[in-house]
Amino acid sequence: MSSPKPGFEDQLKELEQIVTRLEQGDVSLEESLTLFERGVRLARACQTALQEAEQKVQILTRSEDGSFHCQPLQADD
């Protein structure tokens, strides 16, 4: 049984941790490359998740005639 795919927030948090480690500069070249590769994969996954969310929002806000209507988000009271 495979483990569940990490959520957007978890992926973003891991990406932030990788960036911090790389900025500190106290990792070897090999580890830096490994971290960089993981960071690129995470950045792509986050971008894909954001694009999918945007598409869902567009579908949900589309009128029956196909046009979009912008409405401000209502804050929960």
PDB file of N, CA and C in Angstrom:
ATOM      1  N   MET A   1       0.844  -1.176   0.000  1.00  0.00           N
ATOM      2  CA  MET A   1       0.000   0.000   0.000  1.00  0.00           C
ATOM      3  C   MET A   1       0.894   1.245   0.000  1.00  0.00           C
ATOM      4  N   SER A   2       0.653   2.181  -0.923  1.00  0.00           N
ATOM      5  CA  SER A   2       1.480   3.375  -1.016  1.00  0.00           C
ATOM      6  C   SER A   2       0.975   4.445  -0.056  1.00  0.00           C
ATOM      7  N   SER A   3       1.895   5.299   0.389  1.00  0.00           N
ATOM      8  CA  SER A   3       1.520   6.362   1.311  1.00  0.00           C
ATOM      9  C   SER A   3       0.793   7.463   0.536  1.00  0.00           C
ATOM     10  N   PRO A   4      -0.096   8.207   1.209  1.00  0.00           N
ATOM     11  CA  PRO A   4      -0.847   9.249   0.514  1.00  0.00           C
ATOM     12  C   PRO A   4       0.076  10.367   0.045  1.00  0.00           C
ATOM     13  N   LYS A   5      -0.312  10.985  -1.060  1.00  0.00           N
ATOM     14  CA  LYS A   5       0.462  12.099  -1.624  1.00  0.00           C
ATOM     15  C   LYS A   5       0.392  13.293  -0.665  1.00  0.00           C
ATOM     16  N   PRO A   6       1.544  13.911  -0.377  1.00  0.00           N
ATOM     17  CA  PRO A   6       1.519  15.058   0.537  1.00  0.00           C
ATOM     18  C   PRO A   6       0.701  16.205  -0.054  1.00  0.00           C
ATOM     19  N   GLY A   7       0.043  16.949   0.810  1.00  0.00           N
ATOM     20  CA  GLY A   7      -0.776  18.069   0.379  1.00  0.00           C
ATOM     21  C   GLY A   7       0.068  19.266  -0.025  1.00  0.00           C
ATOM     22  N   PHE A   8      -0.596  20.252  -0.595  1.00  0.00           N
ATOM     23  CA  PHE A   8       0.067  21.466  -1.069  1.00  0.00           C
ATOM     24  C   PHE A   8       0.863  22.135   0.045  1.00  0.00           C
ATOM     25  N   GLU A   9       0.239  22.285   1.201  1.00  0.00           N
ATOM     26  CA  GLU A   9       0.903  22.982   2.306  1.00  0.00           C
ATOM     27  C   GLU A   9       2.161  22.244   2.755  1.00  0.00           C
ATOM     28  N   ASP A  10       2.081  20.912   2.797  1.00  0.00           N
ATOM     29  CA  ASP A  10       3.249  20.116   3.182  1.00  0.00           C
ATOM     30  C   ASP A  10       4.376  20.253   2.159  1.00  0.00           C
ATOM     31  N   GLN A  11       4.009  20.242   0.886  1.00  0.00           N
ATOM     32  CA  GLN A  11       5.015  20.381  -0.167  1.00  0.00           C
ATOM     33  C   GLN A  11       5.656  21.765  -0.126  1.00  0.00           C
ATOM     34  N   LEU A  12       4.846  22.775   0.087  1.00  0.00           N
ATOM     35  CA  LEU A  12       5.369  24.144   0.162  1.00  0.00           C
ATOM     36  C   LEU A  12       6.294  24.306   1.364  1.00  0.00           C
ATOM     37  N   LYS A  13       5.915  23.712   2.489  1.00  0.00           N
ATOM     38  CA  LYS A  13       6.760  23.791   3.689  1.00  0.00           C
ATOM     39  C   LYS A  13       8.103  23.108   3.440  1.00  0.00           C
ATOM     40  N   GLU A  14       8.079  21.930   2.798  1.00  0.00           N
ATOM     41  CA  GLU A  14       9.332  21.237   2.493  1.00  0.00           C
ATOM     42  C   GLU A  14      10.186  22.061   1.538  1.00  0.00           C
ATOM     43  N   LEU A  15       9.556  22.684   0.557  1.00  0.00           N
ATOM     44  CA  LEU A  15      10.286  23.528  -0.394  1.00  0.00           C
ATOM     45  C   LEU A  15      10.955  24.698   0.333  1.00  0.00           C
ATOM     46  N   GLU A  16      10.237  25.305   1.258  1.00  0.00           N
ATOM     47  CA  GLU A  16      10.812  26.411   2.037  1.00  0.00           C
ATOM     48  C   GLU A  16      12.011  25.941   2.854  1.00  0.00           C
ATOM     49  N   GLN A  17      11.921  24.753   3.430  1.00  0.00           N
ATOM     50  CA  GLN A  17      13.028  24.204   4.212  1.00  0.00           C
ATOM     51  C   GLN A  17      14.245  23.945   3.318  1.00  0.00           C
ATOM     52  N   ILE A  18      14.008  23.454   2.117  1.00  0.00           N
ATOM     53  CA  ILE A  18      15.105  23.203   1.174  1.00  0.00           C
ATOM     54  C   ILE A  18      15.785  24.513   0.806  1.00  0.00           C
ATOM     55  N   VAL A  19      14.985  25.522   0.509  1.00  0.00           N
ATOM     56  CA  VAL A  19      15.551  26.828   0.147  1.00  0.00           C
ATOM     57  C   VAL A  19      16.405  27.369   1.290  1.00  0.00           C
ATOM     58  N   THR A  20      15.913  27.241   2.507  1.00  0.00           N
ATOM     59  CA  THR A  20      16.668  27.715   3.672  1.00  0.00           C
ATOM     60  C   THR A  20      18.001  26.982   3.783  1.00  0.00           C
ATOM     61  N   ARG A  21      17.970  25.668   3.641  1.00  0.00           N
ATOM     62  CA  ARG A  21      19.220  24.887   3.741  1.00  0.00           C
ATOM     63  C   ARG A  21      20.202  25.284   2.645  1.00  0.00           C
ATOM     64  N   LEU A  22      19.703  25.477   1.430  1.00  0.00           N
ATOM     65  CA  LEU A  22      20.592  25.850   0.329  1.00  0.00           C
ATOM     66  C   LEU A  22      21.162  27.248   0.536  1.00  0.00           C
ATOM     67  N   GLU A  23      20.358  28.158   1.062  1.00  0.00           N
ATOM     68  CA  GLU A  23      20.841  29.521   1.313  1.00  0.00           C
ATOM     69  C   GLU A  23      21.905  29.560   2.405  1.00  0.00           C
ATOM     70  N   GLN A  24      21.824  28.653   3.362  1.00  0.00           N
ATOM     71  CA  GLN A  24      22.807  28.612   4.436  1.00  0.00           C
ATOM     72  C   GLN A  24      24.182  28.213   3.906  1.00  0.00           C
ATOM     73  N   GLY A  25      24.201  27.422   2.843  1.00  0.00           N
ATOM     74  CA  GLY A  25      25.454  27.063   2.204  1.00  0.00           C
ATOM     75  C   GLY A  25      26.323  26.081   2.961  1.00  0.00           C
ATOM     76  N   ASP A  26      25.768  25.368   3.924  1.00  0.00           N
ATOM     77  CA  ASP A  26      26.589  24.449   4.706  1.00  0.00           C
ATOM     78  C   ASP A  26      26.364  22.979   4.321  1.00  0.00           C
ATOM     79  N   VAL A  27      25.944  22.750   3.074  1.00  0.00           N
ATOM     80  CA  VAL A  27      25.760  21.382   2.585  1.00  0.00           C
ATOM     81  C   VAL A  27      26.756  21.123   1.452  1.00  0.00           C
ATOM     82  N   SER A  28      27.086  19.867   1.272  1.00  0.00           N
ATOM     83  CA  SER A  28      28.046  19.509   0.229  1.00  0.00           C
ATOM     84  C   SER A  28      27.435  19.743  -1.150  1.00  0.00           C
ATOM     85  N   LEU A  29      28.300  19.717  -2.153  1.00  0.00           N
ATOM     86  CA  LEU A  29      27.842  19.905  -3.525  1.00  0.00           C
ATOM     87  C   LEU A  29      26.845  18.818  -3.913  1.00  0.00           C
ATOM     88  N   GLU A  30      27.152  17.576  -3.576  1.00  0.00           N
ATOM     89  CA  GLU A  30      26.239  16.472  -3.907  1.00  0.00           C
ATOM     90  C   GLU A  30      24.890  16.658  -3.241  1.00  0.00           C
ATOM     91  N   GLU A  31      24.910  16.994  -1.961  1.00  0.00           N
ATOM     92  CA  GLU A  31      23.649  17.194  -1.247  1.00  0.00           C
ATOM     93  C   GLU A  31      22.907  18.408  -1.798  1.00  0.00           C
ATOM     94  N   SER A  32      23.646  19.446  -2.175  1.00  0.00           N
ATOM     95  CA  SER A  32      23.027  20.631  -2.768  1.00  0.00           C
ATOM     96  C   SER A  32      22.293  20.272  -4.053  1.00  0.00           C
ATOM     97  N   LEU A  33      22.921  19.453  -4.883  1.00  0.00           N
ATOM     98  CA  LEU A  33      22.276  19.040  -6.136  1.00  0.00           C
ATOM     99  C   LEU A  33      21.028  18.206  -5.867  1.00  0.00           C
ATOM    100  N   THR A  34      21.114  17.304  -4.895  1.00  0.00           N
ATOM    101  CA  THR A  34      19.962  16.484  -4.533  1.00  0.00           C
ATOM    102  C   THR A  34      18.826  17.355  -4.012  1.00  0.00           C
ATOM    103  N   LEU A  35      19.155  18.302  -3.140  1.00  0.00           N
ATOM    104  CA  LEU A  35      18.144  19.216  -2.612  1.00  0.00           C
ATOM    105  C   LEU A  35      17.547  20.074  -3.713  1.00  0.00           C
ATOM    106  N   PHE A  36      18.394  20.558  -4.614  1.00  0.00           N
ATOM    107  CA  PHE A  36      17.917  21.386  -5.722  1.00  0.00           C
ATOM    108  C   PHE A  36      16.936  20.606  -6.591  1.00  0.00           C
ATOM    109  N   GLU A  37      17.292  19.353  -6.918  1.00  0.00           N
ATOM    110  CA  GLU A  37      16.411  18.523  -7.738  1.00  0.00           C
ATOM    111  C   GLU A  37      15.072  18.312  -7.040  1.00  0.00           C
ATOM    112  N   ARG A  38      15.104  18.021  -5.737  1.00  0.00           N
ATOM    113  CA  ARG A  38      13.862  17.835  -4.983  1.00  0.00           C
ATOM    114  C   ARG A  38      13.065  19.135  -4.967  1.00  0.00           C
ATOM    115  N   GLY A  39      13.745  20.250  -4.802  1.00  0.00           N
ATOM    116  CA  GLY A  39      13.076  21.548  -4.801  1.00  0.00           C
ATOM    117  C   GLY A  39      12.378  21.847  -6.112  1.00  0.00           C
ATOM    118  N   VAL A  40      13.021  21.516  -7.217  1.00  0.00           N
ATOM    119  CA  VAL A  40      12.407  21.731  -8.534  1.00  0.00           C
ATOM    120  C   VAL A  40      11.142  20.881  -8.666  1.00  0.00           C
ATOM    121  N   ARG A  41      11.226  19.608  -8.233  1.00  0.00           N
ATOM    122  CA  ARG A  41      10.039  18.739  -8.305  1.00  0.00           C
ATOM    123  C   ARG A  41       8.904  19.299  -7.437  1.00  0.00           C
ATOM    124  N   LEU A  42       9.248  19.769  -6.243  1.00  0.00           N
ATOM    125  CA  LEU A  42       8.236  20.337  -5.363  1.00  0.00           C
ATOM    126  C   LEU A  42       7.634  21.613  -5.942  1.00  0.00           C
ATOM    127  N   ALA A  43       8.470  22.467  -6.506  1.00  0.00           N
ATOM    128  CA  ALA A  43       7.978  23.710  -7.105  1.00  0.00           C
ATOM    129  C   ALA A  43       7.018  23.411  -8.253  1.00  0.00           C
ATOM    130  N   ARG A  44       7.345  22.429  -9.066  1.00  0.00           N
ATOM    131  CA  ARG A  44       6.460  22.046 -10.176  1.00  0.00           C
ATOM    132  C   ARG A  44       5.146  21.480  -9.649  1.00  0.00           C
ATOM    133  N   ALA A  45       5.220  20.654  -8.613  1.00  0.00           N
ATOM    134  CA  ALA A  45       4.005  20.074  -8.033  1.00  0.00           C
ATOM    135  C   ALA A  45       3.121  21.169  -7.441  1.00  0.00           C
ATOM    136  N   CYS A  46       3.723  22.139  -6.774  1.00  0.00           N
ATOM    137  CA  CYS A  46       2.959  23.243  -6.201  1.00  0.00           C
ATOM    138  C   CYS A  46       2.323  24.089  -7.306  1.00  0.00           C
ATOM    139  N   GLN A  47       3.069  24.354  -8.354  1.00  0.00           N
ATOM    140  CA  GLN A  47       2.536  25.131  -9.479  1.00  0.00           C
ATOM    141  C   GLN A  47       1.354  24.413 -10.109  1.00  0.00           C
ATOM    142  N   THR A  48       1.470  23.106 -10.287  1.00  0.00           N
ATOM    143  CA  THR A  48       0.383  22.314 -10.855  1.00  0.00           C
ATOM    144  C   THR A  48      -0.847  22.376  -9.956  1.00  0.00           C
ATOM    145  N   ALA A  49      -0.647  22.251  -8.649  1.00  0.00           N
ATOM    146  CA  ALA A  49      -1.766  22.311  -7.704  1.00  0.00           C
ATOM    147  C   ALA A  49      -2.458  23.668  -7.757  1.00  0.00           C
ATOM    148  N   LEU A  50      -1.671  24.734  -7.869  1.00  0.00           N
ATOM    149  CA  LEU A  50      -2.255  26.069  -7.963  1.00  0.00           C
ATOM    150  C   LEU A  50      -3.046  26.244  -9.258  1.00  0.00           C
ATOM    151  N   GLN A  51      -2.517  25.731 -10.357  1.00  0.00           N
ATOM    152  CA  GLN A  51      -3.225  25.817 -11.631  1.00  0.00           C
ATOM    153  C   GLN A  51      -4.540  25.035 -11.591  1.00  0.00           C
ATOM    154  N   GLU A  52      -4.514  23.852 -10.975  1.00  0.00           N
ATOM    155  CA  GLU A  52      -5.727  23.051 -10.851  1.00  0.00           C
ATOM    156  C   GLU A  52      -6.764  23.766  -9.988  1.00  0.00           C
ATOM    157  N   ALA A  53      -6.319  24.385  -8.918  1.00  0.00           N
ATOM    158  CA  ALA A  53      -7.232  25.122  -8.051  1.00  0.00           C
ATOM    159  C   ALA A  53      -7.847  26.298  -8.806  1.00  0.00           C
ATOM    160  N   GLU A  54      -7.033  26.990  -9.588  1.00  0.00           N
ATOM    161  CA  GLU A  54      -7.528  28.120 -10.371  1.00  0.00           C
ATOM    162  C   GLU A  54      -8.578  27.659 -11.382  1.00  0.00           C
ATOM    163  N   GLN A  55      -8.341  26.523 -12.017  1.00  0.00           N
ATOM    164  CA  GLN A  55      -9.313  25.991 -12.975  1.00  0.00           C
ATOM    165  C   GLN A  55     -10.621  25.640 -12.280  1.00  0.00           C
ATOM    166  N   LYS A  56     -10.553  25.055 -11.092  1.00  0.00           N
ATOM    167  CA  LYS A  56     -11.767  24.723 -10.347  1.00  0.00           C
ATOM    168  C   LYS A  56     -12.548  25.977  -9.997  1.00  0.00           C
ATOM    169  N   VAL A  57     -11.837  27.024  -9.572  1.00  0.00           N
ATOM    170  CA  VAL A  57     -12.490  28.282  -9.232  1.00  0.00           C
ATOM    171  C   VAL A  57     -13.170  28.857 -10.471  1.00  0.00           C
ATOM    172  N   GLN A  58     -12.504  28.802 -11.614  1.00  0.00           N
ATOM    173  CA  GLN A  58     -13.097  29.323 -12.840  1.00  0.00           C
ATOM    174  C   GLN A  58     -14.352  28.546 -13.219  1.00  0.00           C
ATOM    175  N   ILE A  59     -14.302  27.245 -13.075  1.00  0.00           N
ATOM    176  CA  ILE A  59     -15.478  26.425 -13.390  1.00  0.00           C
ATOM    177  C   ILE A  59     -16.628  26.773 -12.454  1.00  0.00           C
ATOM    178  N   LEU A  60     -16.319  26.943 -11.184  1.00  0.00           N
ATOM    179  CA  LEU A  60     -17.361  27.241 -10.204  1.00  0.00           C
ATOM    180  C   LEU A  60     -17.939  28.640 -10.361  1.00  0.00           C
ATOM    181  N   THR A  61     -17.180  29.577 -10.919  1.00  0.00           N
ATOM    182  CA  THR A  61     -17.656  30.954 -11.068  1.00  0.00           C
ATOM    183  C   THR A  61     -18.181  31.256 -12.461  1.00  0.00           C
ATOM    184  N   ARG A  62     -18.157  30.286 -13.344  1.00  0.00           N
ATOM    185  CA  ARG A  62     -18.631  30.497 -14.712  1.00  0.00           C
ATOM    186  C   ARG A  62     -20.156  30.489 -14.728  1.00  0.00           C
ATOM    187  N   SER A  63     -20.745  31.434 -15.460  1.00  0.00           N
ATOM    188  CA  SER A  63     -22.195  31.506 -15.601  1.00  0.00           C
ATOM    189  C   SER A  63     -22.668  30.470 -16.598  1.00  0.00           C
ATOM    190  N   GLU A  64     -23.978  30.286 -16.629  1.00  0.00           N
ATOM    191  CA  GLU A  64     -24.554  29.347 -17.585  1.00  0.00           C
ATOM    192  C   GLU A  64     -24.243  29.739 -19.021  1.00  0.00           C
ATOM    193  N   ASP A  65     -24.083  31.044 -19.284  1.00  0.00           N
ATOM    194  CA  ASP A  65     -23.777  31.496 -20.644  1.00  0.00           C
ATOM    195  C   ASP A  65     -22.283  31.416 -20.961  1.00  0.00           C
ATOM    196  N   GLY A  66     -21.483  30.941 -19.997  1.00  0.00           N
ATOM    197  CA  GLY A  66     -20.048  30.769 -20.223  1.00  0.00           C
ATOM    198  C   GLY A  66     -19.197  31.944 -19.801  1.00  0.00           C
ATOM    199  N   SER A  67     -19.807  33.057 -19.413  1.00  0.00           N
ATOM    200  CA  SER A  67     -19.029  34.218 -18.984  1.00  0.00           C
ATOM    201  C   SER A  67     -18.666  34.092 -17.513  1.00  0.00           C
ATOM    202  N   PHE A  68     -17.655  34.838 -17.118  1.00  0.00           N
ATOM    203  CA  PHE A  68     -17.206  34.826 -15.734  1.00  0.00           C
ATOM    204  C   PHE A  68     -17.679  36.092 -15.043  1.00  0.00           C
ATOM    205  N   HIS A  69     -17.990  35.960 -13.779  1.00  0.00           N
ATOM    206  CA  HIS A  69     -18.399  37.104 -12.977  1.00  0.00           C
ATOM    207  C   HIS A  69     -17.501  37.153 -11.749  1.00  0.00           C
ATOM    208  N   CYS A  70     -16.820  38.259 -11.591  1.00  0.00           N
ATOM    209  CA  CYS A  70     -15.944  38.419 -10.437  1.00  0.00           C
ATOM    210  C   CYS A  70     -16.757  38.942  -9.254  1.00  0.00           C
ATOM    211  N   GLN A  71     -16.615  38.257  -8.144  1.00  0.00           N
ATOM    212  CA  GLN A  71     -17.280  38.678  -6.922  1.00  0.00           C
ATOM    213  C   GLN A  71     -16.261  38.646  -5.798  1.00  0.00           C
ATOM    214  N   PRO A  72     -16.285  39.634  -4.939  1.00  0.00           N
ATOM    215  CA  PRO A  72     -15.335  39.597  -3.809  1.00  0.00           C
ATOM    216  C   PRO A  72     -15.648  38.417  -2.901  1.00  0.00           C
ATOM    217  N   LEU A  73     -14.615  37.837  -2.321  1.00  0.00           N
ATOM    218  CA  LEU A  73     -14.808  36.760  -1.368  1.00  0.00           C
ATOM    219  C   LEU A  73     -15.414  37.323  -0.100  1.00  0.00           C
ATOM    220  N   GLN A  74     -16.348  36.584   0.467  1.00  0.00           N
ATOM    221  CA  GLN A  74     -16.990  36.984   1.708  1.00  0.00           C
ATOM    222  C   GLN A  74     -16.228  36.381   2.877  1.00  0.00           C
ATOM    223  N   ALA A  75     -15.838  37.195   3.805  1.00  0.00           N
ATOM    224  CA  ALA A  75     -15.161  36.704   5.010  1.00  0.00           C
ATOM    225  C   ALA A  75     -16.194  36.084   5.921  1.00  0.00           C
ATOM    226  N   ASP A  76     -15.815  34.980   6.564  1.00  0.00           N
ATOM    227  CA  ASP A  76     -16.710  34.357   7.535  1.00  0.00           C
ATOM    228  C   ASP A  76     -16.817  35.252   8.759  1.00  0.00           C
ATOM    229  N   ASP A  77     -18.012  35.427   9.226  1.00  0.00           N
ATOM    230  CA  ASP A  77     -18.223  36.281  10.423  1.00  0.00           C
ATOM    231  C   ASP A  77     -18.046  35.504  11.688  1.00  0.00           C
TER     232      ASP A  77
END
